[in-house]
Full PDB file with SEQRES, HELIX, SHEET, SSBOND, CRYST1, ORIGX, SCALE, CONECT and MASTER records, all heavy atoms in Angstrom:
SEQRES   1 A   33  ILE HIS VAL ASP VAL ALA LEU TYR TRP HIS GLN TRP LYS          
SEQRES   2 A   33  LEU GLY ALA ASP GLY ASP ALA ALA GLN GLY SER PRO PRO          
SEQRES   3 A   33  SER LEU LEU ASP GLN ILE GLY                                  
HELIX    1 AA1 ALA A   20  GLN A   22  5                                   3    
HELIX    2 AA2 LEU A   28  ILE A   32  1                                   5    
CRYST1    1.000    1.000    1.000  90.00  90.00  90.00 P 1           1          
ORIGX1      1.000000  0.000000  0.000000        0.00000                         
ORIGX2      0.000000  1.000000  0.000000        0.00000                         
ORIGX3      0.000000  0.000000  1.000000        0.00000                         
SCALE1      1.000000  0.000000  0.000000        0.00000                         
SCALE2      0.000000  1.000000  0.000000        0.00000                         
SCALE3      0.000000  0.000000  1.000000        0.00000                         
ATOM      1  N   ILE A   1     153.504  53.313 -12.931  1.00  0.00           N  
ATOM      2  CA  ILE A   1     154.800  53.668 -12.357  1.00  0.00           C  
ATOM      3  C   ILE A   1     154.656  54.944 -11.536  1.00  0.00           C  
ATOM      4  O   ILE A   1     154.105  55.938 -12.005  1.00  0.00           O  
ATOM      5  CB  ILE A   1     155.854  53.883 -13.456  1.00  0.00           C  
ATOM      6  CG1 ILE A   1     156.016  52.624 -14.308  1.00  0.00           C  
ATOM      7  CG2 ILE A   1     157.191  54.275 -12.834  1.00  0.00           C  
ATOM      8  CD1 ILE A   1     156.541  51.430 -13.548  1.00  0.00           C  
ATOM      9  N   HIS A   2     155.155  54.922 -10.323  1.00  0.00           N  
ATOM     10  CA  HIS A   2     155.125  56.119  -9.492  1.00  0.00           C  
ATOM     11  C   HIS A   2     156.318  56.108  -8.547  1.00  0.00           C  
ATOM     12  O   HIS A   2     156.893  55.046  -8.236  1.00  0.00           O  
ATOM     13  CB  HIS A   2     153.817  56.209  -8.696  1.00  0.00           C  
ATOM     14  CG  HIS A   2     153.424  54.938  -8.007  1.00  0.00           C  
ATOM     15  ND1 HIS A   2     154.000  54.516  -6.816  1.00  0.00           N  
ATOM     16  CD2 HIS A   2     152.523  53.991  -8.346  1.00  0.00           C  
ATOM     17  CE1 HIS A   2     153.463  53.376  -6.452  1.00  0.00           C  
ATOM     18  NE2 HIS A   2     152.565  53.011  -7.358  1.00  0.00           N  
ATOM     19  N   VAL A   3     156.704  57.285  -8.112  1.00  0.00           N  
ATOM     20  CA  VAL A   3     157.790  57.442  -7.147  1.00  0.00           C  
ATOM     21  C   VAL A   3     157.163  57.848  -5.821  1.00  0.00           C  
ATOM     22  O   VAL A   3     156.487  58.880  -5.728  1.00  0.00           O  
ATOM     23  CB  VAL A   3     158.797  58.517  -7.605  1.00  0.00           C  
ATOM     24  CG1 VAL A   3     159.884  58.721  -6.539  1.00  0.00           C  
ATOM     25  CG2 VAL A   3     159.427  58.129  -8.940  1.00  0.00           C  
ATOM     26  N   ASP A   4     157.354  57.036  -4.799  1.00  0.00           N  
ATOM     27  CA  ASP A   4     156.802  57.307  -3.474  1.00  0.00           C  
ATOM     28  C   ASP A   4     157.892  57.869  -2.569  1.00  0.00           C  
ATOM     29  O   ASP A   4     158.939  57.241  -2.385  1.00  0.00           O  
ATOM     30  CB  ASP A   4     156.217  56.040  -2.857  1.00  0.00           C  
ATOM     31  CG  ASP A   4     154.897  55.639  -3.499  1.00  0.00           C  
ATOM     32  OD1 ASP A   4     154.317  56.474  -4.225  1.00  0.00           O  
ATOM     33  OD2 ASP A   4     154.450  54.501  -3.283  1.00  0.00           O  
ATOM     34  N   VAL A   5     157.644  59.048  -2.022  1.00  0.00           N  
ATOM     35  CA  VAL A   5     158.607  59.726  -1.149  1.00  0.00           C  
ATOM     36  C   VAL A   5     158.038  59.774   0.260  1.00  0.00           C  
ATOM     37  O   VAL A   5     157.031  60.446   0.511  1.00  0.00           O  
ATOM     38  CB  VAL A   5     158.900  61.146  -1.658  1.00  0.00           C  
ATOM     39  CG1 VAL A   5     159.847  61.875  -0.702  1.00  0.00           C  
ATOM     40  CG2 VAL A   5     159.507  61.099  -3.069  1.00  0.00           C  
ATOM     41  N   ALA A   6     158.662  59.044   1.173  1.00  0.00           N  
ATOM     42  CA  ALA A   6     158.222  59.025   2.569  1.00  0.00           C  
ATOM     43  C   ALA A   6     158.711  60.290   3.269  1.00  0.00           C  
ATOM     44  O   ALA A   6     159.882  60.665   3.170  1.00  0.00           O  
ATOM     45  CB  ALA A   6     158.754  57.785   3.276  1.00  0.00           C  
ATOM     46  N   LEU A   7     157.807  60.958   3.975  1.00  0.00           N  
ATOM     47  CA  LEU A   7     158.121  62.205   4.664  1.00  0.00           C  
ATOM     48  C   LEU A   7     158.031  62.012   6.178  1.00  0.00           C  
ATOM     49  O   LEU A   7     157.207  61.240   6.673  1.00  0.00           O  
ATOM     50  CB  LEU A   7     157.164  63.312   4.228  1.00  0.00           C  
ATOM     51  CG  LEU A   7     157.214  63.720   2.751  1.00  0.00           C  
ATOM     52  CD1 LEU A   7     156.156  64.761   2.450  1.00  0.00           C  
ATOM     53  CD2 LEU A   7     158.608  64.229   2.373  1.00  0.00           C  
ATOM     54  N   TYR A   8     158.872  62.767   6.895  1.00  0.00           N  
ATOM     55  CA  TYR A   8     158.922  62.709   8.356  1.00  0.00           C  
ATOM     56  C   TYR A   8     158.979  64.129   8.910  1.00  0.00           C  
ATOM     57  O   TYR A   8     159.504  65.043   8.264  1.00  0.00           O  
ATOM     58  CB  TYR A   8     160.157  61.933   8.835  1.00  0.00           C  
ATOM     59  CG  TYR A   8     160.226  60.526   8.322  1.00  0.00           C  
ATOM     60  CD1 TYR A   8     160.769  60.248   7.068  1.00  0.00           C  
ATOM     61  CD2 TYR A   8     159.745  59.458   9.073  1.00  0.00           C  
ATOM     62  CE1 TYR A   8     160.821  58.952   6.572  1.00  0.00           C  
ATOM     63  CE2 TYR A   8     159.799  58.152   8.590  1.00  0.00           C  
ATOM     64  CZ  TYR A   8     160.337  57.914   7.344  1.00  0.00           C  
ATOM     65  OH  TYR A   8     160.386  56.626   6.855  1.00  0.00           O  
ATOM     66  N   TRP A   9     158.433  64.301  10.093  1.00  0.00           N  
ATOM     67  CA  TRP A   9     158.553  65.562  10.814  1.00  0.00           C  
ATOM     68  C   TRP A   9     159.590  65.380  11.915  1.00  0.00           C  
ATOM     69  O   TRP A   9     159.506  64.450  12.712  1.00  0.00           O  
ATOM     70  CB  TRP A   9     157.217  65.971  11.427  1.00  0.00           C  
ATOM     71  CG  TRP A   9     157.308  67.061  12.448  1.00  0.00           C  
ATOM     72  CD1 TRP A   9     157.115  66.952  13.794  1.00  0.00           C  
ATOM     73  CD2 TRP A   9     157.620  68.445  12.207  1.00  0.00           C  
ATOM     74  NE1 TRP A   9     157.292  68.176  14.411  1.00  0.00           N  
ATOM     75  CE2 TRP A   9     157.598  69.113  13.465  1.00  0.00           C  
ATOM     76  CE3 TRP A   9     157.930  69.178  11.060  1.00  0.00           C  
ATOM     77  CZ2 TRP A   9     157.858  70.478  13.589  1.00  0.00           C  
ATOM     78  CZ3 TRP A   9     158.190  70.533  11.189  1.00  0.00           C  
ATOM     79  CH2 TRP A   9     158.155  71.170  12.437  1.00  0.00           C  
ATOM     80  N   HIS A  10     160.589  66.270  11.937  1.00  0.00           N  
ATOM     81  CA  HIS A  10     161.614  66.271  12.978  1.00  0.00           C  
ATOM     82  C   HIS A  10     161.529  67.580  13.745  1.00  0.00           C  
ATOM     83  O   HIS A  10     161.333  68.641  13.148  1.00  0.00           O  
ATOM     84  CB  HIS A  10     163.019  66.162  12.366  1.00  0.00           C  
ATOM     85  CG  HIS A  10     163.327  64.847  11.733  1.00  0.00           C  
ATOM     86  ND1 HIS A  10     164.368  64.050  12.141  1.00  0.00           N  
ATOM     87  CD2 HIS A  10     162.735  64.177  10.709  1.00  0.00           C  
ATOM     88  CE1 HIS A  10     164.416  62.953  11.389  1.00  0.00           C  
ATOM     89  NE2 HIS A  10     163.426  63.018  10.510  1.00  0.00           N  
ATOM     90  N   GLN A  11     161.730  67.521  15.052  1.00  0.00           N  
ATOM     91  CA  GLN A  11     161.767  68.739  15.859  1.00  0.00           C  
ATOM     92  C   GLN A  11     162.671  68.533  17.057  1.00  0.00           C  
ATOM     93  O   GLN A  11     162.894  67.415  17.520  1.00  0.00           O  
ATOM     94  CB  GLN A  11     160.371  69.136  16.329  1.00  0.00           C  
ATOM     95  CG  GLN A  11     159.768  68.183  17.356  1.00  0.00           C  
ATOM     96  CD  GLN A  11     158.419  68.644  17.879  1.00  0.00           C  
ATOM     97  OE1 GLN A  11     157.441  68.663  17.116  1.00  0.00           O  
ATOM     98  NE2 GLN A  11     158.353  69.001  19.152  1.00  0.00           N  
ATOM     99  N   TRP A  12     163.199  69.656  17.566  1.00  0.00           N  
ATOM    100  CA  TRP A  12     164.003  69.605  18.777  1.00  0.00           C  
ATOM    101  C   TRP A  12     163.110  69.345  19.970  1.00  0.00           C  
ATOM    102  O   TRP A  12     161.981  69.817  20.039  1.00  0.00           O  
ATOM    103  CB  TRP A  12     164.759  70.926  18.970  1.00  0.00           C  
ATOM    104  CG  TRP A  12     165.830  71.151  17.959  1.00  0.00           C  
ATOM    105  CD1 TRP A  12     165.790  72.016  16.898  1.00  0.00           C  
ATOM    106  CD2 TRP A  12     167.097  70.491  17.887  1.00  0.00           C  
ATOM    107  NE1 TRP A  12     166.952  71.933  16.180  1.00  0.00           N  
ATOM    108  CE2 TRP A  12     167.777  71.014  16.756  1.00  0.00           C  
ATOM    109  CE3 TRP A  12     167.713  69.514  18.666  1.00  0.00           C  
ATOM    110  CZ2 TRP A  12     169.041  70.579  16.402  1.00  0.00           C  
ATOM    111  CZ3 TRP A  12     168.984  69.083  18.315  1.00  0.00           C  
ATOM    112  CH2 TRP A  12     169.637  69.613  17.202  1.00  0.00           C  
ATOM    113  N   LYS A  13     163.625  68.595  20.934  1.00  0.00           N  
ATOM    114  CA  LYS A  13     162.931  68.428  22.207  1.00  0.00           C  
ATOM    115  C   LYS A  13     163.138  69.694  23.029  1.00  0.00           C  
ATOM    116  O   LYS A  13     164.268  70.164  23.181  1.00  0.00           O  
ATOM    117  CB  LYS A  13     163.499  67.230  22.977  1.00  0.00           C  
ATOM    118  CG  LYS A  13     163.340  65.887  22.273  1.00  0.00           C  
ATOM    119  CD  LYS A  13     164.005  64.790  23.089  1.00  0.00           C  
ATOM    120  CE  LYS A  13     163.974  63.454  22.382  1.00  0.00           C  
ATOM    121  NZ  LYS A  13     164.704  62.406  23.124  1.00  0.00           N  
ATOM    122  N   LEU A  14     162.069  70.236  23.553  1.00  0.00           N  
ATOM    123  CA  LEU A  14     162.145  71.456  24.344  1.00  0.00           C  
ATOM    124  C   LEU A  14     161.655  71.196  25.758  1.00  0.00           C  
ATOM    125  O   LEU A  14     160.690  70.464  25.965  1.00  0.00           O  
ATOM    126  CB  LEU A  14     161.289  72.570  23.719  1.00  0.00           C  
ATOM    127  CG  LEU A  14     161.660  72.997  22.295  1.00  0.00           C  
ATOM    128  CD1 LEU A  14     160.727  74.103  21.840  1.00  0.00           C  
ATOM    129  CD2 LEU A  14     163.104  73.470  22.222  1.00  0.00           C  
ATOM    130  N   GLY A  15     162.298  71.817  26.728  1.00  0.00           N  
ATOM    131  CA  GLY A  15     161.835  71.708  28.108  1.00  0.00           C  
ATOM    132  C   GLY A  15     162.250  70.408  28.760  1.00  0.00           C  
ATOM    133  O   GLY A  15     162.844  69.517  28.155  1.00  0.00           O  
ATOM    134  N   ALA A  16     161.891  70.296  30.012  1.00  0.00           N  
ATOM    135  CA  ALA A  16     162.239  69.103  30.785  1.00  0.00           C  
ATOM    136  C   ALA A  16     161.298  67.969  30.447  1.00  0.00           C  
ATOM    137  O   ALA A  16     160.133  68.176  30.145  1.00  0.00           O  
ATOM    138  CB  ALA A  16     162.164  69.410  32.282  1.00  0.00           C  
ATOM    139  N   ASP A  17     161.801  66.743  30.498  1.00  0.00           N  
ATOM    140  CA  ASP A  17     160.966  65.574  30.255  1.00  0.00           C  
ATOM    141  C   ASP A  17     159.856  65.512  31.295  1.00  0.00           C  
ATOM    142  O   ASP A  17     160.059  65.771  32.473  1.00  0.00           O  
ATOM    143  CB  ASP A  17     161.795  64.286  30.337  1.00  0.00           C  
ATOM    144  CG  ASP A  17     162.803  64.191  29.206  1.00  0.00           C  
ATOM    145  OD1 ASP A  17     162.594  64.875  28.193  1.00  0.00           O  
ATOM    146  OD2 ASP A  17     163.792  63.440  29.364  1.00  0.00           O  
ATOM    147  N   GLY A  18     158.659  65.153  30.826  1.00  0.00           N  
ATOM    148  CA  GLY A  18     157.551  64.978  31.744  1.00  0.00           C  
ATOM    149  C   GLY A  18     156.731  66.215  31.980  1.00  0.00           C  
ATOM    150  O   GLY A  18     155.794  66.185  32.780  1.00  0.00           O  
ATOM    151  N   ASP A  19     157.045  67.355  31.322  1.00  0.00           N  
ATOM    152  CA  ASP A  19     156.258  68.565  31.515  1.00  0.00           C  
ATOM    153  C   ASP A  19     154.796  68.340  31.186  1.00  0.00           C  
ATOM    154  O   ASP A  19     153.906  68.788  31.893  1.00  0.00           O  
ATOM    155  CB  ASP A  19     156.804  69.706  30.648  1.00  0.00           C  
ATOM    156  CG  ASP A  19     158.043  70.348  31.278  1.00  0.00           C  
ATOM    157  OD1 ASP A  19     158.338  70.006  32.437  1.00  0.00           O  
ATOM    158  OD2 ASP A  19     158.675  71.182  30.617  1.00  0.00           O  
ATOM    159  N   ALA A  20     154.543  67.645  30.061  1.00  0.00           N  
ATOM    160  CA  ALA A  20     153.161  67.431  29.645  1.00  0.00           C  
ATOM    161  C   ALA A  20     152.426  66.584  30.676  1.00  0.00           C  
ATOM    162  O   ALA A  20     151.254  66.808  30.968  1.00  0.00           O  
ATOM    163  CB  ALA A  20     153.123  66.743  28.278  1.00  0.00           C  
ATOM    164  N   ALA A  21     153.125  65.603  31.263  1.00  0.00           N  
ATOM    165  CA  ALA A  21     152.481  64.740  32.252  1.00  0.00           C  
ATOM    166  C   ALA A  21     152.110  65.514  33.508  1.00  0.00           C  
ATOM    167  O   ALA A  21     151.200  65.137  34.236  1.00  0.00           O  
ATOM    168  CB  ALA A  21     153.418  63.586  32.615  1.00  0.00           C  
ATOM    169  N   GLN A  22     152.816  66.625  33.808  1.00  0.00           N  
ATOM    170  CA  GLN A  22     152.528  67.419  34.986  1.00  0.00           C  
ATOM    171  C   GLN A  22     151.441  68.458  34.720  1.00  0.00           C  
ATOM    172  O   GLN A  22     151.169  69.299  35.572  1.00  0.00           O  
ATOM    173  CB  GLN A  22     153.804  68.107  35.467  1.00  0.00           C  
ATOM    174  CG  GLN A  22     154.883  67.129  35.914  1.00  0.00           C  
ATOM    175  CD  GLN A  22     156.193  67.821  36.217  1.00  0.00           C  
ATOM    176  OE1 GLN A  22     156.274  69.049  36.234  1.00  0.00           O  
ATOM    177  NE2 GLN A  22     157.233  67.039  36.468  1.00  0.00           N  
ATOM    178  N   GLY A  23     150.842  68.414  33.569  1.00  0.00           N  
ATOM    179  CA  GLY A  23     149.726  69.298  33.290  1.00  0.00           C  
ATOM    180  C   GLY A  23     150.041  70.510  32.444  1.00  0.00           C  
ATOM    181  O   GLY A  23     149.150  71.306  32.165  1.00  0.00           O  
ATOM    182  N   SER A  24     151.301  70.703  32.058  1.00  0.00           N  
ATOM    183  CA  SER A  24     151.636  71.835  31.205  1.00  0.00           C  
ATOM    184  C   SER A  24     151.049  71.626  29.825  1.00  0.00           C  
ATOM    185  O   SER A  24     151.050  70.502  29.312  1.00  0.00           O  
ATOM    186  CB  SER A  24     153.158  71.994  31.106  1.00  0.00           C  
ATOM    187  OG  SER A  24     153.718  72.267  32.373  1.00  0.00           O  
ATOM    188  N   PRO A  25     150.564  72.690  29.182  1.00  0.00           N  
ATOM    189  CA  PRO A  25     150.024  72.537  27.827  1.00  0.00           C  
ATOM    190  C   PRO A  25     151.139  72.208  26.844  1.00  0.00           C  
ATOM    191  O   PRO A  25     152.314  72.488  27.105  1.00  0.00           O  
ATOM    192  CB  PRO A  25     149.415  73.913  27.541  1.00  0.00           C  
ATOM    193  CG  PRO A  25     150.161  74.859  28.420  1.00  0.00           C  
ATOM    194  CD  PRO A  25     150.480  74.080  29.666  1.00  0.00           C  
ATOM    195  N   PRO A  26     150.808  71.606  25.709  1.00  0.00           N  
ATOM    196  CA  PRO A  26     151.836  71.298  24.706  1.00  0.00           C  
ATOM    197  C   PRO A  26     152.533  72.573  24.242  1.00  0.00           C  
ATOM    198  O   PRO A  26     151.909  73.632  24.139  1.00  0.00           O  
ATOM    199  CB  PRO A  26     151.047  70.651  23.560  1.00  0.00           C  
ATOM    200  CG  PRO A  26     149.741  70.259  24.147  1.00  0.00           C  
ATOM    201  CD  PRO A  26     149.461  71.201  25.258  1.00  0.00           C  
ATOM    202  N   SER A  27     153.819  72.468  23.985  1.00  0.00           N  
ATOM    203  CA  SER A  27     154.556  73.618  23.466  1.00  0.00           C  
ATOM    204  C   SER A  27     154.047  73.970  22.077  1.00  0.00           C  
ATOM    205  O   SER A  27     153.403  73.153  21.399  1.00  0.00           O  
ATOM    206  CB  SER A  27     156.051  73.306  23.409  1.00  0.00           C  
ATOM    207  OG  SER A  27     156.310  72.345  22.386  1.00  0.00           O  
ATOM    208  N   LEU A  28     154.344  75.196  21.647  1.00  0.00           N  
ATOM    209  CA  LEU A  28     153.947  75.601  20.298  1.00  0.00           C  
ATOM    210  C   LEU A  28     154.591  74.701  19.249  1.00  0.00           C  
ATOM    211  O   LEU A  28     153.969  74.365  18.244  1.00  0.00           O  
ATOM    212  CB  LEU A  28     154.332  77.057  20.053  1.00  0.00           C  
ATOM    213  CG  LEU A  28     153.463  78.114  20.740  1.00  0.00           C  
ATOM    214  CD1 LEU A  28     154.071  79.494  20.555  1.00  0.00           C  
ATOM    215  CD2 LEU A  28     152.044  78.076  20.184  1.00  0.00           C  
ATOM    216  N   LEU A  29     155.832  74.294  19.504  1.00  0.00           N  
ATOM    217  CA  LEU A  29     156.506  73.417  18.555  1.00  0.00           C  
ATOM    218  C   LEU A  29     155.810  72.062  18.492  1.00  0.00           C  
ATOM    219  O   LEU A  29     155.633  71.487  17.411  1.00  0.00           O  
ATOM    220  CB  LEU A  29     157.973  73.252  18.944  1.00  0.00           C  
ATOM    221  CG  LEU A  29     158.873  72.541  17.932  1.00  0.00           C  
ATOM    222  CD1 LEU A  29     158.841  73.236  16.575  1.00  0.00           C  
ATOM    223  CD2 LEU A  29     160.303  72.465  18.454  1.00  0.00           C  
ATOM    224  N   ASP A  30     155.394  71.554  19.649  1.00  0.00           N  
ATOM    225  CA  ASP A  30     154.630  70.301  19.655  1.00  0.00           C  
ATOM    226  C   ASP A  30     153.314  70.464  18.898  1.00  0.00           C  
ATOM    227  O   ASP A  30     152.872  69.558  18.184  1.00  0.00           O  
ATOM    228  CB  ASP A  30     154.335  69.858  21.089  1.00  0.00           C  
ATOM    229  CG  ASP A  30     155.567  69.314  21.795  1.00  0.00           C  
ATOM    230  OD1 ASP A  30     156.518  68.913  21.106  1.00  0.00           O  
ATOM    231  OD2 ASP A  30     155.582  69.315  23.048  1.00  0.00           O  
ATOM    232  N   GLN A  31     152.673  71.616  19.065  1.00  0.00           N  
ATOM    233  CA  GLN A  31     151.408  71.855  18.371  1.00  0.00           C  
ATOM    234  C   GLN A  31     151.603  71.933  16.858  1.00  0.00           C  
ATOM    235  O   GLN A  31     150.742  71.489  16.091  1.00  0.00           O  
ATOM    236  CB  GLN A  31     150.762  73.138  18.887  1.00  0.00           C  
ATOM    237  CG  GLN A  31     150.285  73.041  20.324  1.00  0.00           C  
ATOM    238  CD  GLN A  31     149.651  74.332  20.807  1.00  0.00           C  
ATOM    239  OE1 GLN A  31     148.767  74.886  20.162  1.00  0.00           O  
ATOM    240  NE2 GLN A  31     150.115  74.825  21.945  1.00  0.00           N  
ATOM    241  N   ILE A  32     152.724  72.498  16.433  1.00  0.00           N  
ATOM    242  CA  ILE A  32     153.026  72.516  15.000  1.00  0.00           C  
ATOM    243  C   ILE A  32     153.165  71.083  14.484  1.00  0.00           C  
ATOM    244  O   ILE A  32     152.602  70.722  13.447  1.00  0.00           O  
ATOM    245  CB  ILE A  32     154.327  73.308  14.740  1.00  0.00           C  
ATOM    246  CG1 ILE A  32     154.118  74.792  15.048  1.00  0.00           C  
ATOM    247  CG2 ILE A  32     154.768  73.139  13.282  1.00  0.00           C  
ATOM    248  CD1 ILE A  32     155.399  75.601  15.043  1.00  0.00           C  
ATOM    249  N   GLY A  33     153.906  70.253  15.218  1.00  0.00           N  
ATOM    250  CA  GLY A  33     154.064  68.859  14.815  1.00  0.00           C  
ATOM    251  C   GLY A  33     152.745  68.123  14.769  1.00  0.00           C  
ATOM    252  O   GLY A  33     152.478  67.347  13.839  1.00  0.00           O  
TER     253      GLY A  33                                                      
MASTER        0    0    0    2    0    0    0    6  252    1    0    3          
END                                                                             
């Protein structure tokens, strides 16, 4: 018998969409995730 707890990481979206595609490095928050 065991209890399984599914965990998720949630974070706010920061910056404009597509920044990473334009060559910007990942944000610190993205790196934490």
